[in-house]
Amino acid sequence: MTDIVELERDADRARTNLMRTLEEVNRKAATTAQGHFLSDQPIRRYPIASVCGAMALGFAVGGWRTPAVVLGIIALAKALATERENKP
C-alpha cells in the first residue's frame, strides 16, 4: 500500500509542477505575442505609403499582377478621396 500512496503523491506533485510550468509558458507566450503585434495606427496615419508598400510586397511575392495593380489603384484612389474629404 505504501508504494501506491507514494506513487499517487509523486503523480500529484508532477501534475502540480506541470500545471505551474504550463501557466508560466502561457504567460511568457502572451507577453511575447503582445510585443510582436503591431498597431494599425501607422497604416491609418499613412494610407498611401501603406498601399504602395503593400503593392510592392505583392509584386515581390509574384502572382497575378493585373488584379494587384487594379486593387492597388482602387485603394490609392480611395485613400486620395478620403484625404481630400478630410481637408477643409
Protein backbone atom coordinates (compact mmCIF):
# COMPACT_ATOMS: atom_id res chain seq x y z
CA MET A 1 0.00 0.00 0.00
CA THR A 2 2.82 2.38 0.77
CA ASP A 3 4.15 2.18 -2.75
CA ILE A 4 0.77 3.10 -4.21
CA VAL A 5 0.40 6.06 -1.86
CA GLU A 6 3.89 7.28 -2.73
CA LEU A 7 3.23 6.88 -6.45
CA GLU A 8 -0.04 8.83 -6.17
CA ARG A 9 1.73 11.56 -4.18
CA ASP A 10 4.51 11.75 -6.79
CA ALA A 11 1.93 11.88 -9.57
CA ASP A 12 0.11 14.74 -7.82
CA ARG A 13 3.37 16.65 -7.38
CA ALA A 14 4.29 16.08 -11.02
CA ARG A 15 0.81 17.24 -12.10
CA THR A 16 1.13 20.37 -9.95
CA ASN A 17 4.59 21.14 -11.33
CA LEU A 18 3.34 20.59 -14.86
CA MET A 19 0.43 22.99 -14.32
CA ARG A 20 2.78 25.65 -12.92
CA THR A 21 5.12 25.20 -15.87
CA LEU A 22 2.28 25.44 -18.38
CA GLU A 23 0.94 28.59 -16.71
CA GLU A 24 4.41 30.14 -16.86
CA VAL A 25 4.81 29.21 -20.54
CA ASN A 26 1.38 30.65 -21.36
CA ARG A 27 2.21 33.86 -19.50
CA LYS A 28 5.51 34.24 -21.34
CA ALA A 29 3.88 33.44 -24.68
CA ALA A 30 1.20 36.07 -24.10
CA THR A 31 3.81 38.67 -23.14
CA THR A 32 5.91 37.86 -26.20
CA ALA A 33 2.91 37.91 -28.53
CA GLN A 34 1.89 41.37 -27.30
CA GLY A 35 5.36 42.63 -28.09
CA HIS A 36 5.23 41.32 -31.65
CA PHE A 37 1.79 42.59 -32.64
CA LEU A 38 1.90 45.96 -34.34
CA SER A 39 -0.82 48.53 -34.06
CA ASP A 40 -2.67 49.70 -37.12
CA GLN A 41 -2.06 53.38 -36.35
CA PRO A 42 0.80 53.80 -38.87
CA ILE A 43 -1.40 52.28 -41.57
CA ARG A 44 -4.23 54.68 -40.81
CA ARG A 45 -1.85 57.61 -40.50
CA TYR A 46 -0.06 56.91 -43.79
CA PRO A 47 -2.56 55.16 -46.07
CA ILE A 48 -0.83 55.99 -49.37
CA ALA A 49 2.55 54.77 -48.20
CA SER A 50 0.89 51.65 -46.80
CA VAL A 51 -0.83 50.91 -50.11
CA CYS A 52 2.38 51.46 -52.04
CA GLY A 53 4.27 49.19 -49.68
CA ALA A 54 1.60 46.52 -49.96
CA MET A 55 1.70 46.73 -53.75
CA ALA A 56 5.50 46.46 -53.77
CA LEU A 57 5.32 43.45 -51.49
CA GLY A 58 2.70 41.88 -53.75
CA PHE A 59 4.89 42.42 -56.81
CA ALA A 60 7.89 40.98 -54.99
CA VAL A 61 6.00 37.85 -53.99
CA GLY A 62 4.66 37.34 -57.51
CA GLY A 63 1.34 36.06 -58.65
CA TRP A 64 -1.17 37.76 -60.89
CA ARG A 65 -0.06 41.31 -61.46
CA THR A 66 -3.21 42.70 -63.08
CA PRO A 67 -5.55 42.20 -60.09
CA ALA A 68 -2.86 43.55 -57.77
CA VAL A 69 -2.47 46.69 -59.87
CA VAL A 70 -6.23 47.22 -60.21
CA LEU A 71 -6.83 46.75 -56.49
CA GLY A 72 -3.86 48.98 -55.68
CA ILE A 73 -5.17 51.75 -57.94
CA ILE A 74 -8.63 51.47 -56.38
CA ALA A 75 -7.15 51.61 -52.87
CA LEU A 76 -4.95 54.56 -53.83
CA ALA A 77 -7.90 56.43 -55.33
CA LYS A 78 -9.97 55.78 -52.23
CA ALA A 79 -7.15 56.96 -49.98
CA LEU A 80 -6.76 60.15 -52.03
CA ALA A 81 -10.51 60.77 -51.97
CA THR A 82 -10.61 60.24 -48.20
CA GLU A 83 -7.72 62.65 -47.67
CA ARG A 84 -9.40 65.32 -49.81
CA GLU A 85 -12.65 64.94 -47.89
CA ASN A 86 -10.85 65.38 -44.57
CA LYS A 87 -9.15 68.63 -45.66
CA PRO A 88 -11.15 71.84 -45.03
